[in-house]
Amino acid sequence: MGARGIRGTAVSLAALLAVALLLSAPVQAQTYPPKPPSIGVNDTLVRPGDKVVVSGADWCPGSTVDIFLDGKFITTADVGGDGTFSTSITVPAGTDAGPAEITVEGLDETCEETRVLGRTITVVLAATESGGSLPFTGDNVSVWMIVVAGLLVVGAGFAVAGRRREKHLRR
């Protein structure tokens, strides 16, 4: 094989290597350590019957997560290929007022470990649900307004009477 043959082979190999590099997909390294999963809710102050959107990120792609309210199973949600989910739950009627825990259980981003995460919401009851009306926290302004108006009328009466008396005494 002559100099031309070696040179031609070298050029061919270089061209083949360049084409292979251009057509190959870049290799992406997996982030280490993997991100821990996260969850969130769209509202933390709710009433029974209200809808709450529960969402999460960095869960096992293609898996499902279980959603609970105060330890009671509510629903499951499908995790997308990007590791996120979002679903709406309804706060059940009869849920006690006060803090309540929404928990999500599923596989983490590595699809190897089960994780349980929680968010606290506050359940409030409407006035009719609590058995009474709203508490009275102010003062009865209408009584004081009547008393002040009455004193103004009496004062004006004394002023008019005083002027008449003064006018009458000058004559």
Foldseek 3Di string as FASTA:
>chain_A
DDPVVVVVVVVVVVVVVVVVVVPDDDDDDADPPQDWKDKDWPAQEEAQFDKIKIKIAQFAAQQKKWKDKQNHTFGIWGQHRRRMTIDITGRHPPDDFAKIKIKIWHHGNVSPDIDIDIDIGGYDYAQVVVPHHDDDDDDDVVVVVVVVVVVVVVVVVVVVVVVVVVVVVVD
